[in-house]
Amino acid sequence: MKPTTTPCRRRTFLGGCAAASAVTLTACAGADEESEPSQWVEVLDAESLAVGASEQVQVGEEYFLLHRVSDAEVRAFSAVCTHQGCTVGVDEDRGTFRCPCHGSEYNLVTGQVEVRPAEDPLDAVEAEISEGVIRLYL
């Protein structure tokens, strides 16, 4: 008996698999993003961070870097180094946010790279000082 289907060429088969995989991955991509909605999270009393000072804070499993620009303004960044993902800290002697793994340094106010090997700035996080508390929008 002869088969009732026609044979599939390798290239046609692989192309179909790639297309099916892309559709599957696209459908799955949104599944993890259905976490808790963003909200303001209080992280520090404003009085404990003087103007011109910086500090690393932890919220859950994540670390963030804060820099108090003025009485009314604070900047915040993810503490994940954009080079290879190490946790960045505050280097008071150098006046930067510094990665202990490979020495990348970032500007306290802008998060821009000042010393490589990192090439991308730290990810900014929305922050505010409200009613005497520093809050992050996470």
C-alpha atoms as a PDB file:
ATOM      1  CA  MET A   1       0.000   0.000   0.000  1.00  0.00           C
ATOM      2  CA  LYS A   2       1.110   3.510  -0.784  1.00  0.00           C
ATOM      3  CA  PRO A   3       1.081   6.196   1.910  1.00  0.00           C
ATOM      4  CA  THR A   4      -1.761   8.699   1.531  1.00  0.00           C
ATOM      5  CA  THR A   5       0.383  11.696   2.443  1.00  0.00           C
ATOM      6  CA  THR A   6       3.158  13.239   0.443  1.00  0.00           C
ATOM      7  CA  PRO A   7       6.644  13.289   1.925  1.00  0.00           C
ATOM      8  CA  CYS A   8       7.718  16.541   3.547  1.00  0.00           C
ATOM      9  CA  ARG A   9      11.020  18.070   2.608  1.00  0.00           C
ATOM     10  CA  ARG A  10      13.425  18.752   5.479  1.00  0.00           C
ATOM     11  CA  ARG A  11      13.539  22.519   4.828  1.00  0.00           C
ATOM     12  CA  THR A  12       9.726  22.749   4.733  1.00  0.00           C
ATOM     13  CA  PHE A  13       9.447  20.735   7.941  1.00  0.00           C
ATOM     14  CA  LEU A  14      12.036  22.818   9.801  1.00  0.00           C
ATOM     15  CA  GLY A  15      10.447  26.057   8.632  1.00  0.00           C
ATOM     16  CA  GLY A  16       7.095  24.889   9.963  1.00  0.00           C
ATOM     17  CA  CYS A  17       8.640  23.938  13.297  1.00  0.00           C
ATOM     18  CA  ALA A  18      10.294  27.340  13.613  1.00  0.00           C
ATOM     19  CA  ALA A  19       7.007  29.108  12.893  1.00  0.00           C
ATOM     20  CA  ALA A  20       5.125  26.948  15.396  1.00  0.00           C
ATOM     21  CA  SER A  21       7.798  27.559  18.041  1.00  0.00           C
ATOM     22  CA  ALA A  22       7.621  31.320  17.527  1.00  0.00           C
ATOM     23  CA  VAL A  23       3.849  31.256  17.982  1.00  0.00           C
ATOM     24  CA  THR A  24       4.167  29.125  21.119  1.00  0.00           C
ATOM     25  CA  LEU A  25       6.854  31.352  22.635  1.00  0.00           C
ATOM     26  CA  THR A  26       4.867  34.484  21.861  1.00  0.00           C
ATOM     27  CA  ALA A  27       1.798  33.016  23.537  1.00  0.00           C
ATOM     28  CA  CYS A  28       3.807  32.058  26.617  1.00  0.00           C
ATOM     29  CA  ALA A  29       5.655  35.376  26.909  1.00  0.00           C
ATOM     30  CA  GLY A  30       2.776  37.161  28.604  1.00  0.00           C
ATOM     31  CA  ALA A  31       2.170  34.442  31.174  1.00  0.00           C
ATOM     32  CA  ASP A  32       4.923  35.558  33.566  1.00  0.00           C
ATOM     33  CA  GLU A  33       4.023  39.215  33.208  1.00  0.00           C
ATOM     34  CA  GLU A  34       0.712  38.708  34.988  1.00  0.00           C
ATOM     35  CA  SER A  35       2.312  39.384  38.352  1.00  0.00           C
ATOM     36  CA  GLU A  36       1.215  41.968  40.861  1.00  0.00           C
ATOM     37  CA  PRO A  37       0.488  45.389  39.381  1.00  0.00           C
ATOM     38  CA  SER A  38       3.004  48.160  39.986  1.00  0.00           C
ATOM     39  CA  GLN A  39       2.495  50.209  43.108  1.00  0.00           C
ATOM     40  CA  TRP A  40       4.317  52.684  45.332  1.00  0.00           C
ATOM     41  CA  VAL A  41       6.473  50.943  47.950  1.00  0.00           C
ATOM     42  CA  GLU A  42       7.899  52.790  50.951  1.00  0.00           C
ATOM     43  CA  VAL A  43      11.596  51.998  51.281  1.00  0.00           C
ATOM     44  CA  LEU A  44      13.188  54.542  53.621  1.00  0.00           C
ATOM     45  CA  ASP A  45      12.435  57.497  55.874  1.00  0.00           C
ATOM     46  CA  ALA A  46      13.524  60.601  53.979  1.00  0.00           C
ATOM     47  CA  GLU A  47      15.342  61.942  57.062  1.00  0.00           C
ATOM     48  CA  SER A  48      17.717  58.960  57.020  1.00  0.00           C
ATOM     49  CA  LEU A  49      19.097  59.899  53.572  1.00  0.00           C
ATOM     50  CA  ALA A  50      20.779  63.317  53.618  1.00  0.00           C
ATOM     51  CA  VAL A  51      20.973  65.519  50.529  1.00  0.00           C
ATOM     52  CA  GLY A  52      23.976  64.330  48.490  1.00  0.00           C
ATOM     53  CA  ALA A  53      24.002  60.895  50.137  1.00  0.00           C
ATOM     54  CA  SER A  54      23.419  57.510  48.515  1.00  0.00           C
ATOM     55  CA  GLU A  55      22.242  54.181  49.848  1.00  0.00           C
ATOM     56  CA  GLN A  56      21.446  50.657  48.726  1.00  0.00           C
ATOM     57  CA  VAL A  57      18.049  49.291  49.839  1.00  0.00           C
ATOM     58  CA  GLN A  58      16.429  45.900  49.529  1.00  0.00           C
ATOM     59  CA  VAL A  59      12.791  45.306  48.618  1.00  0.00           C
ATOM     60  CA  GLY A  60      11.907  41.632  48.711  1.00  0.00           C
ATOM     61  CA  GLU A  61      14.635  39.847  46.739  1.00  0.00           C
ATOM     62  CA  GLU A  62      15.678  42.934  44.746  1.00  0.00           C
ATOM     63  CA  TYR A  63      18.227  45.660  45.512  1.00  0.00           C
ATOM     64  CA  PHE A  64      17.939  49.315  44.541  1.00  0.00           C
ATOM     65  CA  LEU A  65      20.274  52.303  44.676  1.00  0.00           C
ATOM     66  CA  LEU A  66      19.071  55.671  45.947  1.00  0.00           C
ATOM     67  CA  HIS A  67      20.681  59.100  45.658  1.00  0.00           C
ATOM     68  CA  ARG A  68      19.181  62.158  47.353  1.00  0.00           C
ATOM     69  CA  VAL A  69      19.571  65.065  44.922  1.00  0.00           C
ATOM     70  CA  SER A  70      17.769  67.729  46.994  1.00  0.00           C
ATOM     71  CA  ASP A  71      15.268  68.079  49.828  1.00  0.00           C
ATOM     72  CA  ALA A  72      12.481  67.232  47.400  1.00  0.00           C
ATOM     73  CA  GLU A  73      14.164  64.920  44.890  1.00  0.00           C
ATOM     74  CA  VAL A  74      15.589  61.395  45.017  1.00  0.00           C
ATOM     75  CA  ARG A  75      16.875  59.251  42.150  1.00  0.00           C
ATOM     76  CA  ALA A  76      16.605  55.475  42.138  1.00  0.00           C
ATOM     77  CA  PHE A  77      18.095  52.694  40.031  1.00  0.00           C
ATOM     78  CA  SER A  78      18.102  48.932  39.909  1.00  0.00           C
ATOM     79  CA  ALA A  79      21.260  47.617  41.588  1.00  0.00           C
ATOM     80  CA  VAL A  80      21.741  45.019  38.839  1.00  0.00           C
ATOM     81  CA  CYS A  81      24.952  45.739  36.933  1.00  0.00           C
ATOM     82  CA  THR A  82      24.296  45.993  33.214  1.00  0.00           C
ATOM     83  CA  HIS A  83      27.610  44.263  32.463  1.00  0.00           C
ATOM     84  CA  GLN A  84      27.048  40.793  33.930  1.00  0.00           C
ATOM     85  CA  GLY A  85      24.307  41.136  36.525  1.00  0.00           C
ATOM     86  CA  CYS A  86      26.278  41.489  39.762  1.00  0.00           C
ATOM     87  CA  THR A  87      24.807  43.605  42.569  1.00  0.00           C
ATOM     88  CA  VAL A  88      26.057  47.185  42.461  1.00  0.00           C
ATOM     89  CA  GLY A  89      26.698  49.100  45.684  1.00  0.00           C
ATOM     90  CA  VAL A  90      27.580  52.612  46.801  1.00  0.00           C
ATOM     91  CA  ASP A  91      31.265  53.576  46.704  1.00  0.00           C
ATOM     92  CA  GLU A  92      31.403  56.635  48.967  1.00  0.00           C
ATOM     93  CA  ASP A  93      35.153  57.140  48.439  1.00  0.00           C
ATOM     94  CA  ARG A  94      34.759  57.405  44.662  1.00  0.00           C
ATOM     95  CA  GLY A  95      31.325  59.047  44.706  1.00  0.00           C
ATOM     96  CA  THR A  96      29.774  56.474  42.369  1.00  0.00           C
ATOM     97  CA  PHE A  97      27.659  53.372  42.294  1.00  0.00           C
ATOM     98  CA  ARG A  98      30.259  50.622  41.788  1.00  0.00           C
ATOM     99  CA  CYS A  99      30.090  46.978  40.785  1.00  0.00           C
ATOM    100  CA  PRO A 100      32.407  44.792  42.895  1.00  0.00           C
ATOM    101  CA  CYS A 101      32.720  42.097  40.204  1.00  0.00           C
ATOM    102  CA  HIS A 102      34.454  43.915  37.339  1.00  0.00           C
ATOM    103  CA  GLY A 103      34.735  47.539  38.486  1.00  0.00           C
ATOM    104  CA  SER A 104      32.022  49.207  36.425  1.00  0.00           C
ATOM    105  CA  GLU A 105      31.026  52.555  37.913  1.00  0.00           C
ATOM    106  CA  TYR A 106      27.849  54.548  37.422  1.00  0.00           C
ATOM    107  CA  ASN A 107      26.914  58.191  37.995  1.00  0.00           C
ATOM    108  CA  LEU A 108      24.903  58.731  41.188  1.00  0.00           C
ATOM    109  CA  VAL A 109      22.410  61.119  39.587  1.00  0.00           C
ATOM    110  CA  THR A 110      21.962  59.734  36.072  1.00  0.00           C
ATOM    111  CA  GLY A 111      22.967  56.072  36.365  1.00  0.00           C
ATOM    112  CA  GLN A 112      25.186  56.523  33.280  1.00  0.00           C
ATOM    113  CA  VAL A 113      28.375  54.472  32.960  1.00  0.00           C
ATOM    114  CA  GLU A 114      31.473  56.352  34.118  1.00  0.00           C
ATOM    115  CA  VAL A 115      33.932  53.433  34.206  1.00  0.00           C
ATOM    116  CA  ARG A 116      33.597  50.366  31.975  1.00  0.00           C
ATOM    117  CA  PRO A 117      33.353  47.404  31.210  1.00  0.00           C
ATOM    118  CA  ALA A 118      29.581  48.069  31.466  1.00  0.00           C
ATOM    119  CA  GLU A 119      28.241  49.888  28.415  1.00  0.00           C
ATOM    120  CA  ASP A 120      24.607  50.502  29.374  1.00  0.00           C
ATOM    121  CA  PRO A 121      23.321  52.712  32.196  1.00  0.00           C
ATOM    122  CA  LEU A 122      21.591  51.328  35.253  1.00  0.00           C
ATOM    123  CA  ASP A 123      17.850  50.874  34.876  1.00  0.00           C
ATOM    124  CA  ALA A 124      16.087  53.887  36.379  1.00  0.00           C
ATOM    125  CA  VAL A 125      13.241  53.333  38.812  1.00  0.00           C
ATOM    126  CA  GLU A 126      10.535  55.910  39.453  1.00  0.00           C
ATOM    127  CA  ALA A 127      11.034  57.395  42.923  1.00  0.00           C
ATOM    128  CA  GLU A 128       9.596  60.182  45.035  1.00  0.00           C
ATOM    129  CA  ILE A 129       9.694  61.736  48.464  1.00  0.00           C
ATOM    130  CA  SER A 130       6.193  61.919  49.848  1.00  0.00           C
ATOM    131  CA  GLU A 131       5.128  62.774  53.401  1.00  0.00           C
ATOM    132  CA  GLY A 132       8.643  62.225  54.724  1.00  0.00           C
ATOM    133  CA  VAL A 133       9.093  58.821  53.069  1.00  0.00           C
ATOM    134  CA  ILE A 134      11.108  57.737  50.029  1.00  0.00           C
ATOM    135  CA  ARG A 135       8.964  55.552  47.796  1.00  0.00           C
ATOM    136  CA  LEU A 136       9.687  53.510  44.682  1.00  0.00           C
ATOM    137  CA  TYR A 137       7.173  52.615  42.015  1.00  0.00           C
ATOM    138  CA  LEU A 138       7.618  48.849  41.653  1.00  0.00           C
END
